Amino acid sequence: MRTIAALSLVATSLVAVCGIQASPARADWVPPFKGNDTGGIIAYELATTVDARQLAVDHCARYGKVVKFLAAEPHYGGYVSFACRWVPYGANERPLRTLY
């Protein structure tokens, strides 16, 4: 029992002396624009400064899909969510991705 206590004291001392620190977790941070082939979210603060519709259209066009906006939470910390859907029936061409 004494050896376990002694080893833990030595390990704690080494951590304190060497200055090894654990990096803080960033669980509270989300990028302002995040998505994949099924859809994504845009931070509301970003949506007020740039054209959120064009961001979503360009994102879904990378996967050959069209955008469908789902919801918007218009407050600090809110977001705009969208889904990427397959091109509707009857459409002969794939969606275009605009490059400015």
PDB file of N, CA and C in Angstrom:
ATOM      1  N   MET A   1       0.815  -1.179   0.000  1.00  0.00           N
ATOM      2  CA  MET A   1       0.000   0.000   0.000  1.00  0.00           C
ATOM      3  C   MET A   1       0.864   1.250   0.000  1.00  0.00           C
ATOM      4  N   ARG A   2       1.998   1.182   0.744  1.00  0.00           N
ATOM      5  CA  ARG A   2       2.884   2.339   0.807  1.00  0.00           C
ATOM      6  C   ARG A   2       3.569   2.587  -0.535  1.00  0.00           C
ATOM      7  N   THR A   3       3.850   1.519  -1.285  1.00  0.00           N
ATOM      8  CA  THR A   3       4.516   1.702  -2.571  1.00  0.00           C
ATOM      9  C   THR A   3       3.582   2.384  -3.575  1.00  0.00           C
ATOM     10  N   ILE A   4       2.301   2.062  -3.532  1.00  0.00           N
ATOM     11  CA  ILE A   4       1.347   2.715  -4.434  1.00  0.00           C
ATOM     12  C   ILE A   4       1.243   4.197  -4.106  1.00  0.00           C
ATOM     13  N   ALA A   5       1.182   4.527  -2.826  1.00  0.00           N
ATOM     14  CA  ALA A   5       1.112   5.926  -2.413  1.00  0.00           C
ATOM     15  C   ALA A   5       2.394   6.655  -2.797  1.00  0.00           C
ATOM     16  N   ALA A   6       3.529   5.999  -2.632  1.00  0.00           N
ATOM     17  CA  ALA A   6       4.807   6.621  -2.981  1.00  0.00           C
ATOM     18  C   ALA A   6       4.909   6.844  -4.484  1.00  0.00           C
ATOM     19  N   LEU A   7       4.486   5.853  -5.281  1.00  0.00           N
ATOM     20  CA  LEU A   7       4.535   6.000  -6.737  1.00  0.00           C
ATOM     21  C   LEU A   7       3.597   7.106  -7.227  1.00  0.00           C
ATOM     22  N   SER A   8       2.430   7.209  -6.631  1.00  0.00           N
ATOM     23  CA  SER A   8       1.514   8.278  -7.045  1.00  0.00           C
ATOM     24  C   SER A   8       2.055   9.641  -6.653  1.00  0.00           C
ATOM     25  N   LEU A   9       2.741   9.734  -5.518  1.00  0.00           N
ATOM     26  CA  LEU A   9       3.360  10.994  -5.108  1.00  0.00           C
ATOM     27  C   LEU A   9       4.489  11.375  -6.058  1.00  0.00           C
ATOM     28  N   VAL A  10       5.274  10.407  -6.489  1.00  0.00           N
ATOM     29  CA  VAL A  10       6.351  10.664  -7.444  1.00  0.00           C
ATOM     30  C   VAL A  10       5.777  11.094  -8.784  1.00  0.00           C
ATOM     31  N   ALA A  11       4.738  10.435  -9.256  1.00  0.00           N
ATOM     32  CA  ALA A  11       4.127  10.797 -10.534  1.00  0.00           C
ATOM     33  C   ALA A  11       3.540  12.199 -10.481  1.00  0.00           C
ATOM     34  N   THR A  12       2.880  12.535  -9.398  1.00  0.00           N
ATOM     35  CA  THR A  12       2.316  13.879  -9.240  1.00  0.00           C
ATOM     36  C   THR A  12       3.419  14.926  -9.214  1.00  0.00           C
ATOM     37  N   SER A  13       4.515  14.625  -8.544  1.00  0.00           N
ATOM     38  CA  SER A  13       5.644  15.559  -8.480  1.00  0.00           C
ATOM     39  C   SER A  13       6.263  15.767  -9.850  1.00  0.00           C
ATOM     40  N   LEU A  14       6.416  14.691 -10.622  1.00  0.00           N
ATOM     41  CA  LEU A  14       6.985  14.813 -11.960  1.00  0.00           C
ATOM     42  C   LEU A  14       6.106  15.674 -12.867  1.00  0.00           C
ATOM     43  N   VAL A  15       4.810  15.492 -12.761  1.00  0.00           N
ATOM     44  CA  VAL A  15       3.893  16.294 -13.572  1.00  0.00           C
ATOM     45  C   VAL A  15       4.014  17.759 -13.187  1.00  0.00           C
ATOM     46  N   ALA A  16       4.118  18.053 -11.893  1.00  0.00           N
ATOM     47  CA  ALA A  16       4.230  19.433 -11.437  1.00  0.00           C
ATOM     48  C   ALA A  16       5.566  20.048 -11.848  1.00  0.00           C
ATOM     49  N   VAL A  17       6.644  19.279 -11.759  1.00  0.00           N
ATOM     50  CA  VAL A  17       7.971  19.790 -12.091  1.00  0.00           C
ATOM     51  C   VAL A  17       8.122  19.996 -13.602  1.00  0.00           C
ATOM     52  N   CYS A  18       7.676  19.041 -14.384  1.00  0.00           N
ATOM     53  CA  CYS A  18       7.843  19.121 -15.838  1.00  0.00           C
ATOM     54  C   CYS A  18       6.877  20.106 -16.482  1.00  0.00           C
ATOM     55  N   GLY A  19       5.843  20.454 -15.789  1.00  0.00           N
ATOM     56  CA  GLY A  19       4.896  21.404 -16.350  1.00  0.00           C
ATOM     57  C   GLY A  19       3.970  20.797 -17.385  1.00  0.00           C
ATOM     58  N   ILE A  20       3.762  19.522 -17.305  1.00  0.00           N
ATOM     59  CA  ILE A  20       2.863  18.855 -18.248  1.00  0.00           C
ATOM     60  C   ILE A  20       1.436  19.205 -17.865  1.00  0.00           C
ATOM     61  N   GLN A  21       0.711  19.753 -18.823  1.00  0.00           N
ATOM     62  CA  GLN A  21      -0.667  20.117 -18.561  1.00  0.00           C
ATOM     63  C   GLN A  21      -1.556  19.467 -19.606  1.00  0.00           C
ATOM     64  N   ALA A  22      -2.714  19.130 -19.185  1.00  0.00           N
ATOM     65  CA  ALA A  22      -3.693  18.608 -20.132  1.00  0.00           C
ATOM     66  C   ALA A  22      -4.301  19.782 -20.884  1.00  0.00           C
ATOM     67  N   SER A  23      -4.503  19.616 -22.178  1.00  0.00           N
ATOM     68  CA  SER A  23      -5.113  20.692 -22.950  1.00  0.00           C
ATOM     69  C   SER A  23      -6.592  20.786 -22.597  1.00  0.00           C
ATOM     70  N   PRO A  24      -7.101  22.006 -22.532  1.00  0.00           N
ATOM     71  CA  PRO A  24      -8.516  22.145 -22.166  1.00  0.00           C
ATOM     72  C   PRO A  24      -9.417  21.632 -23.281  1.00  0.00           C
ATOM     73  N   ALA A  25     -10.505  21.062 -22.905  1.00  0.00           N
ATOM     74  CA  ALA A  25     -11.472  20.548 -23.888  1.00  0.00           C
ATOM     75  C   ALA A  25     -12.211  21.726 -24.508  1.00  0.00           C
ATOM     76  N   ARG A  26     -12.465  21.656 -25.784  1.00  0.00           N
ATOM     77  CA  ARG A  26     -13.171  22.722 -26.488  1.00  0.00           C
ATOM     78  C   ARG A  26     -14.580  22.256 -26.833  1.00  0.00           C
ATOM     79  N   ALA A  27     -15.305  21.793 -25.850  1.00  0.00           N
ATOM     80  CA  ALA A  27     -16.640  21.283 -26.093  1.00  0.00           C
ATOM     81  C   ALA A  27     -17.637  22.394 -26.391  1.00  0.00           C
ATOM     82  N   ASP A  28     -17.287  23.629 -26.050  1.00  0.00           N
ATOM     83  CA  ASP A  28     -18.224  24.733 -26.249  1.00  0.00           C
ATOM     84  C   ASP A  28     -18.065  25.406 -27.609  1.00  0.00           C
ATOM     85  N   TRP A  29     -17.122  24.987 -28.421  1.00  0.00           N
ATOM     86  CA  TRP A  29     -16.856  25.664 -29.682  1.00  0.00           C
ATOM     87  C   TRP A  29     -17.334  24.829 -30.859  1.00  0.00           C
ATOM     88  N   VAL A  30     -18.108  25.457 -31.742  1.00  0.00           N
ATOM     89  CA  VAL A  30     -18.590  24.813 -32.963  1.00  0.00           C
ATOM     90  C   VAL A  30     -18.217  25.724 -34.121  1.00  0.00           C
ATOM     91  N   PRO A  31     -17.703  25.194 -35.221  1.00  0.00           N
ATOM     92  CA  PRO A  31     -17.361  26.061 -36.349  1.00  0.00           C
ATOM     93  C   PRO A  31     -18.613  26.756 -36.893  1.00  0.00           C
ATOM     94  N   PRO A  32     -18.466  27.951 -37.484  1.00  0.00           N
ATOM     95  CA  PRO A  32     -19.634  28.688 -37.964  1.00  0.00           C
ATOM     96  C   PRO A  32     -20.352  28.032 -39.132  1.00  0.00           C
ATOM     97  N   PHE A  33     -19.683  27.152 -39.854  1.00  0.00           N
ATOM     98  CA  PHE A  33     -20.317  26.433 -40.956  1.00  0.00           C
ATOM     99  C   PHE A  33     -19.845  24.997 -40.911  1.00  0.00           C
ATOM    100  N   LYS A  34     -20.777  24.071 -40.836  1.00  0.00           N
ATOM    101  CA  LYS A  34     -20.411  22.663 -40.763  1.00  0.00           C
ATOM    102  C   LYS A  34     -21.450  21.863 -41.533  1.00  0.00           C
ATOM    103  N   GLY A  35     -20.980  20.888 -42.316  1.00  0.00           N
ATOM    104  CA  GLY A  35     -21.923  20.086 -43.069  1.00  0.00           C
ATOM    105  C   GLY A  35     -21.282  18.867 -43.695  1.00  0.00           C
ATOM    106  N   ASN A  36     -22.147  18.019 -44.236  1.00  0.00           N
ATOM    107  CA  ASN A  36     -21.705  16.834 -44.965  1.00  0.00           C
ATOM    108  C   ASN A  36     -22.676  16.601 -46.116  1.00  0.00           C
ATOM    109  N   ASP A  37     -22.721  15.387 -46.655  1.00  0.00           N
ATOM    110  CA  ASP A  37     -23.559  15.149 -47.832  1.00  0.00           C
ATOM    111  C   ASP A  37     -25.050  15.122 -47.526  1.00  0.00           C
ATOM    112  N   THR A  38     -25.446  15.074 -46.264  1.00  0.00           N
ATOM    113  CA  THR A  38     -26.868  15.061 -45.924  1.00  0.00           C
ATOM    114  C   THR A  38     -27.400  16.419 -45.508  1.00  0.00           C
ATOM    115  N   GLY A  39     -26.531  17.383 -45.252  1.00  0.00           N
ATOM    116  CA  GLY A  39     -26.975  18.718 -44.848  1.00  0.00           C
ATOM    117  C   GLY A  39     -25.942  19.398 -43.980  1.00  0.00           C
ATOM    118  N   GLY A  40     -26.390  20.387 -43.202  1.00  0.00           N
ATOM    119  CA  GLY A  40     -25.459  21.086 -42.346  1.00  0.00           C
ATOM    120  C   GLY A  40     -26.119  22.192 -41.561  1.00  0.00           C
ATOM    121  N   ILE A  41     -25.277  22.949 -40.845  1.00  0.00           N
ATOM    122  CA  ILE A  41     -25.748  24.085 -40.073  1.00  0.00           C
ATOM    123  C   ILE A  41     -24.844  25.281 -40.343  1.00  0.00           C
ATOM    124  N   ILE A  42     -25.441  26.465 -40.238  1.00  0.00           N
ATOM    125  CA  ILE A  42     -24.727  27.723 -40.390  1.00  0.00           C
ATOM    126  C   ILE A  42     -25.033  28.546 -39.148  1.00  0.00           C
ATOM    127  N   ALA A  43     -24.014  29.043 -38.473  1.00  0.00           N
ATOM    128  CA  ALA A  43     -24.229  29.869 -37.292  1.00  0.00           C
ATOM    129  C   ALA A  43     -25.022  31.111 -37.670  1.00  0.00           C
ATOM    130  N   TYR A  44     -25.953  31.510 -36.804  1.00  0.00           N
ATOM    131  CA  TYR A  44     -26.815  32.640 -37.132  1.00  0.00           C
ATOM    132  C   TYR A  44     -26.012  33.932 -37.304  1.00  0.00           C
ATOM    133  N   GLU A  45     -24.930  34.088 -36.534  1.00  0.00           N
ATOM    134  CA  GLU A  45     -24.087  35.282 -36.677  1.00  0.00           C
ATOM    135  C   GLU A  45     -23.446  35.330 -38.062  1.00  0.00           C
ATOM    136  N   LEU A  46     -23.035  34.182 -38.587  1.00  0.00           N
ATOM    137  CA  LEU A  46     -22.471  34.126 -39.936  1.00  0.00           C
ATOM    138  C   LEU A  46     -23.563  34.368 -40.972  1.00  0.00           C
ATOM    139  N   ALA A  47     -24.756  33.856 -40.716  1.00  0.00           N
ATOM    140  CA  ALA A  47     -25.859  34.011 -41.665  1.00  0.00           C
ATOM    141  C   ALA A  47     -26.290  35.468 -41.794  1.00  0.00           C
ATOM    142  N   THR A  48     -26.063  36.284 -40.779  1.00  0.00           N
ATOM    143  CA  THR A  48     -26.432  37.701 -40.864  1.00  0.00           C
ATOM    144  C   THR A  48     -25.386  38.523 -41.610  1.00  0.00           C
ATOM    145  N   THR A  49     -24.168  37.999 -41.752  1.00  0.00           N
ATOM    146  CA  THR A  49     -23.110  38.775 -42.408  1.00  0.00           C
ATOM    147  C   THR A  49     -22.836  38.346 -43.840  1.00  0.00           C
ATOM    148  N   VAL A  50     -23.124  37.103 -44.187  1.00  0.00           N
ATOM    149  CA  VAL A  50     -22.892  36.616 -45.549  1.00  0.00           C
ATOM    150  C   VAL A  50     -24.197  36.043 -46.095  1.00  0.00           C
ATOM    151  N   ASP A  51     -24.190  35.678 -47.358  1.00  0.00           N
ATOM    152  CA  ASP A  51     -25.360  35.083 -47.993  1.00  0.00           C
ATOM    153  C   ASP A  51     -25.423  33.602 -47.627  1.00  0.00           C
ATOM    154  N   ALA A  52     -26.223  33.286 -46.616  1.00  0.00           N
ATOM    155  CA  ALA A  52     -26.309  31.909 -46.124  1.00  0.00           C
ATOM    156  C   ALA A  52     -26.929  30.991 -47.168  1.00  0.00           C
ATOM    157  N   ARG A  53     -27.845  31.505 -47.952  1.00  0.00           N
ATOM    158  CA  ARG A  53     -28.479  30.688 -48.985  1.00  0.00           C
ATOM    159  C   ARG A  53     -27.437  30.223 -50.003  1.00  0.00           C
ATOM    160  N   GLN A  54     -26.557  31.127 -50.421  1.00  0.00           N
ATOM    161  CA  GLN A  54     -25.543  30.755 -51.406  1.00  0.00           C
ATOM    162  C   GLN A  54     -24.523  29.779 -50.821  1.00  0.00           C
ATOM    163  N   LEU A  55     -24.177  29.944 -49.541  1.00  0.00           N
ATOM    164  CA  LEU A  55     -23.279  28.987 -48.882  1.00  0.00           C
ATOM    165  C   LEU A  55     -23.877  27.582 -48.919  1.00  0.00           C
ATOM    166  N   ALA A  56     -25.147  27.473 -48.585  1.00  0.00           N
ATOM    167  CA  ALA A  56     -25.796  26.165 -48.557  1.00  0.00           C
ATOM    168  C   ALA A  56     -25.946  25.583 -49.959  1.00  0.00           C
ATOM    169  N   VAL A  57     -26.296  26.409 -50.934  1.00  0.00           N
ATOM    170  CA  VAL A  57     -26.444  25.937 -52.314  1.00  0.00           C
ATOM    171  C   VAL A  57     -25.113  25.404 -52.839  1.00  0.00           C
ATOM    172  N   ASP A  58     -24.036  26.143 -52.613  1.00  0.00           N
ATOM    173  CA  ASP A  58     -22.715  25.693 -53.065  1.00  0.00           C
ATOM    174  C   ASP A  58     -22.291  24.401 -52.371  1.00  0.00           C
ATOM    175  N   HIS A  59     -22.605  24.309 -51.084  1.00  0.00           N
ATOM    176  CA  HIS A  59     -22.224  23.114 -50.332  1.00  0.00           C
ATOM    177  C   HIS A  59     -22.939  21.877 -50.880  1.00  0.00           C
ATOM    178  N   CYS A  60     -24.240  21.969 -51.082  1.00  0.00           N
ATOM    179  CA  CYS A  60     -25.000  20.813 -51.571  1.00  0.00           C
ATOM    180  C   CYS A  60     -24.665  20.486 -53.020  1.00  0.00           C
ATOM    181  N   ALA A  61     -24.320  21.497 -53.813  1.00  0.00           N
ATOM    182  CA  ALA A  61     -23.976  21.259 -55.219  1.00  0.00           C
ATOM    183  C   ALA A  61     -22.698  20.446 -55.349  1.00  0.00           C
ATOM    184  N   ARG A  62     -21.827  20.491 -54.360  1.00  0.00           N
ATOM    185  CA  ARG A  62     -20.614  19.657 -54.394  1.00  0.00           C
ATOM    186  C   ARG A  62     -20.958  18.176 -54.435  1.00  0.00           C
ATOM    187  N   TYR A  63     -22.098  17.828 -53.865  1.00  0.00           N
ATOM    188  CA  TYR A  63     -22.529  16.433 -53.819  1.00  0.00           C
ATOM    189  C   TYR A  63     -23.574  16.133 -54.890  1.00  0.00           C
ATOM    190  N   GLY A  64     -23.860  17.079 -55.785  1.00  0.00           N
ATOM    191  CA  GLY A  64     -24.845  16.878 -56.827  1.00  0.00           C
ATOM    192  C   GLY A  64     -26.271  16.916 -56.297  1.00  0.00           C
ATOM    193  N   LYS A  65     -26.501  17.680 -55.250  1.00  0.00           N
ATOM    194  CA  LYS A  65     -27.815  17.741 -54.618  1.00  0.00           C
ATOM    195  C   LYS A  65     -28.311  19.179 -54.567  1.00  0.00           C
ATOM    196  N   VAL A  66     -29.567  19.347 -54.193  1.00  0.00           N
ATOM    197  CA  VAL A  66     -30.158  20.674 -54.026  1.00  0.00           C
ATOM    198  C   VAL A  66     -30.427  20.892 -52.537  1.00  0.00           C
ATOM    199  N   VAL A  67     -30.549  22.159 -52.162  1.00  0.00           N
ATOM    200  CA  VAL A  67     -30.699  22.505 -50.751  1.00  0.00           C
ATOM    201  C   VAL A  67     -32.171  22.655 -50.381  1.00  0.00           C
ATOM    202  N   LYS A  68     -32.487  22.273 -49.143  1.00  0.00           N
ATOM    203  CA  LYS A  68     -33.804  22.526 -48.564  1.00  0.00           C
ATOM    204  C   LYS A  68     -33.566  23.040 -47.152  1.00  0.00           C
ATOM    205  N   PHE A  69     -33.974  24.298 -46.905  1.00  0.00           N
ATOM    206  CA  PHE A  69     -33.784  24.886 -45.587  1.00  0.00           C
ATOM    207  C   PHE A  69     -34.814  24.313 -44.628  1.00  0.00           C
ATOM    208  N   LEU A  70     -34.362  23.965 -43.419  1.00  0.00           N
ATOM    209  CA  LEU A  70     -35.222  23.303 -42.449  1.00  0.00           C
ATOM    210  C   LEU A  70     -35.688  24.250 -41.344  1.00  0.00           C
ATOM    211  N   ALA A  71     -34.768  24.957 -40.704  1.00  0.00           N
ATOM    212  CA  ALA A  71     -35.142  25.793 -39.566  1.00  0.00           C
ATOM    213  C   ALA A  71     -34.122  26.891 -39.364  1.00  0.00           C
ATOM    214  N   ALA A  72     -34.548  27.934 -38.653  1.00  0.00           N
ATOM    215  CA  ALA A  72     -33.650  29.033 -38.282  1.00  0.00           C
ATOM    216  C   ALA A  72     -33.978  29.456 -36.859  1.00  0.00           C
ATOM    217  N   GLU A  73     -32.953  29.613 -36.055  1.00  0.00           N
ATOM    218  CA  GLU A  73     -33.115  30.104 -34.693  1.00  0.00           C
ATOM    219  C   GLU A  73     -32.492  31.494 -34.640  1.00  0.00           C
ATOM    220  N   PRO A  74     -33.288  32.547 -34.767  1.00  0.00           N
ATOM    221  CA  PRO A  74     -32.742  33.905 -34.887  1.00  0.00           C
ATOM    222  C   PRO A  74     -32.378  34.538 -33.543  1.00  0.00           C
ATOM    223  N   HIS A  75     -31.390  33.995 -32.864  1.00  0.00           N
ATOM    224  CA  HIS A  75     -30.889  34.573 -31.620  1.00  0.00           C
ATOM    225  C   HIS A  75     -29.418  34.215 -31.476  1.00  0.00           C
ATOM    226  N   TYR A  76     -28.765  34.870 -30.515  1.00  0.00           N
ATOM    227  CA  TYR A  76     -27.350  34.611 -30.286  1.00  0.00           C
ATOM    228  C   TYR A  76     -27.156  33.136 -29.924  1.00  0.00           C
ATOM    229  N   GLY A  77     -26.279  32.461 -30.636  1.00  0.00           N
ATOM    230  CA  GLY A  77     -26.034  31.042 -30.426  1.00  0.00           C
ATOM    231  C   GLY A  77     -26.929  30.155 -31.264  1.00  0.00           C
ATOM    232  N   GLY A  78     -27.846  30.747 -32.017  1.00  0.00           N
ATOM    233  CA  GLY A  78     -28.734  29.966 -32.864  1.00  0.00           C
ATOM    234  C   GLY A  78     -28.061  29.580 -34.164  1.00  0.00           C
ATOM    235  N   TYR A  79     -28.780  28.882 -34.997  1.00  0.00           N
ATOM    236  CA  TYR A  79     -28.217  28.434 -36.264  1.00  0.00           C
ATOM    237  C   TYR A  79     -29.311  28.275 -37.305  1.00  0.00           C
ATOM    238  N   VAL A  80     -28.884  28.185 -38.547  1.00  0.00           N
ATOM    239  CA  VAL A  80     -29.752  27.902 -39.677  1.00  0.00           C
ATOM    240  C   VAL A  80     -29.399  26.496 -40.145  1.00  0.00           C
ATOM    241  N   SER A  81     -30.379  25.616 -40.209  1.00  0.00           N
ATOM    242  CA  SER A  81     -30.098  24.246 -40.623  1.00  0.00           C
ATOM    243  C   SER A  81     -30.687  23.993 -42.005  1.00  0.00           C
ATOM    244  N   PHE A  82     -30.015  23.127 -42.740  1.00  0.00           N
ATOM    245  CA  PHE A  82     -30.470  22.787 -44.086  1.00  0.00           C
ATOM    246  C   PHE A  82     -30.162  21.329 -44.384  1.00  0.00           C
ATOM    247  N   ALA A  83     -30.911  20.797 -45.339  1.00  0.00           N
ATOM    248  CA  ALA A  83     -30.711  19.410 -45.786  1.00  0.00           C
ATOM    249  C   ALA A  83     -30.330  19.424 -47.256  1.00  0.00           C
ATOM    250  N   CYS A  84     -29.500  18.489 -47.650  1.00  0.00           N
ATOM    251  CA  CYS A  84     -29.140  18.322 -49.057  1.00  0.00           C
ATOM    252  C   CYS A  84     -29.971  17.165 -49.614  1.00  0.00           C
ATOM    253  N   ARG A  85     -30.744  17.449 -50.636  1.00  0.00           N
ATOM    254  CA  ARG A  85     -31.640  16.452 -51.225  1.00  0.00           C
ATOM    255  C   ARG A  85     -31.189  16.134 -52.638  1.00  0.00           C
ATOM    256  N   TRP A  86     -31.559  14.968 -53.105  1.00  0.00           N
ATOM    257  CA  TRP A  86     -31.279  14.613 -54.493  1.00  0.00           C
ATOM    258  C   TRP A  86     -32.075  15.517 -55.407  1.00  0.00           C
ATOM    259  N   VAL A  87     -31.616  15.685 -56.622  1.00  0.00           N
ATOM    260  CA  VAL A  87     -32.286  16.523 -57.605  1.00  0.00           C
ATOM    261  C   VAL A  87     -33.689  15.966 -57.842  1.00  0.00           C
ATOM    262  N   PRO A  88     -34.713  16.820 -57.809  1.00  0.00           N
ATOM    263  CA  PRO A  88     -36.093  16.320 -57.971  1.00  0.00           C
ATOM    264  C   PRO A  88     -36.298  15.643 -59.324  1.00  0.00           C
ATOM    265  N   TYR A  89     -37.301  14.791 -59.386  1.00  0.00           N
ATOM    266  CA  TYR A  89     -37.636  14.124 -60.635  1.00  0.00           C
ATOM    267  C   TYR A  89     -38.008  15.156 -61.688  1.00  0.00           C
ATOM    268  N   GLY A  90     -37.632  14.891 -62.908  1.00  0.00           N
ATOM    269  CA  GLY A  90     -37.935  15.808 -63.999  1.00  0.00           C
ATOM    270  C   GLY A  90     -36.817  16.784 -64.291  1.00  0.00           C
ATOM    271  N   ALA A  91     -35.875  16.924 -63.398  1.00  0.00           N
ATOM    272  CA  ALA A  91     -34.747  17.822 -63.654  1.00  0.00           C
ATOM    273  C   ALA A  91     -33.745  17.082 -64.528  1.00  0.00           C
ATOM    274  N   ASN A  92     -33.359  17.695 -65.620  1.00  0.00           N
ATOM    275  CA  ASN A  92     -32.467  17.036 -66.572  1.00  0.00           C
ATOM    276  C   ASN A  92     -30.994  17.261 -66.263  1.00  0.00           C
ATOM    277  N   GLU A  93     -30.688  18.283 -65.486  1.00  0.00           N
ATOM    278  CA  GLU A  93     -29.285  18.616 -65.247  1.00  0.00           C
ATOM    279  C   GLU A  93     -28.988  18.627 -63.755  1.00  0.00           C
ATOM    280  N   ARG A  94     -27.710  18.483 -63.470  1.00  0.00           N
ATOM    281  CA  ARG A  94     -27.264  18.575 -62.084  1.00  0.00           C
ATOM    282  C   ARG A  94     -27.245  20.033 -61.659  1.00  0.00           C
ATOM    283  N   PRO A  95     -27.333  20.337 -60.371  1.00  0.00           N
ATOM    284  CA  PRO A  95     -27.261  21.721 -59.912  1.00  0.00           C
ATOM    285  C   PRO A  95     -25.889  22.314 -60.191  1.00  0.00           C
ATOM    286  N   LEU A  96     -25.848  23.591 -60.451  1.00  0.00           N
ATOM    287  CA  LEU A  96     -24.610  24.274 -60.763  1.00  0.00           C
ATOM    288  C   LEU A  96     -24.002  24.867 -59.506  1.00  0.00           C
ATOM    289  N   ARG A  97     -22.705  24.785 -59.404  1.00  0.00           N
ATOM    290  CA  ARG A  97     -21.987  25.419 -58.311  1.00  0.00           C
ATOM    291  C   ARG A  97     -21.409  26.713 -58.859  1.00  0.00           C
ATOM    292  N   THR A  98     -21.796  27.823 -58.273  1.00  0.00           N
ATOM    293  CA  THR A  98     -21.334  29.119 -58.774  1.00  0.00           C
ATOM    294  C   THR A  98     -20.006  29.471 -58.132  1.00  0.00           C
ATOM    295  N   LEU A  99     -19.121  29.981 -58.926  1.00  0.00           N
ATOM    296  CA  LEU A  99     -17.807  30.438 -58.443  1.00  0.00           C
ATOM    297  C   LEU A  99     -17.680  31.911 -58.761  1.00  0.00           C
ATOM    298  N   TYR A 100     -17.480  32.700 -57.758  1.00  0.00           N
ATOM    299  CA  TYR A 100     -17.354  34.141 -57.964  1.00  0.00           C
ATOM    300  C   TYR A 100     -15.908  34.557 -57.965  1.00  0.00           C
TER     301      TYR A 100
END
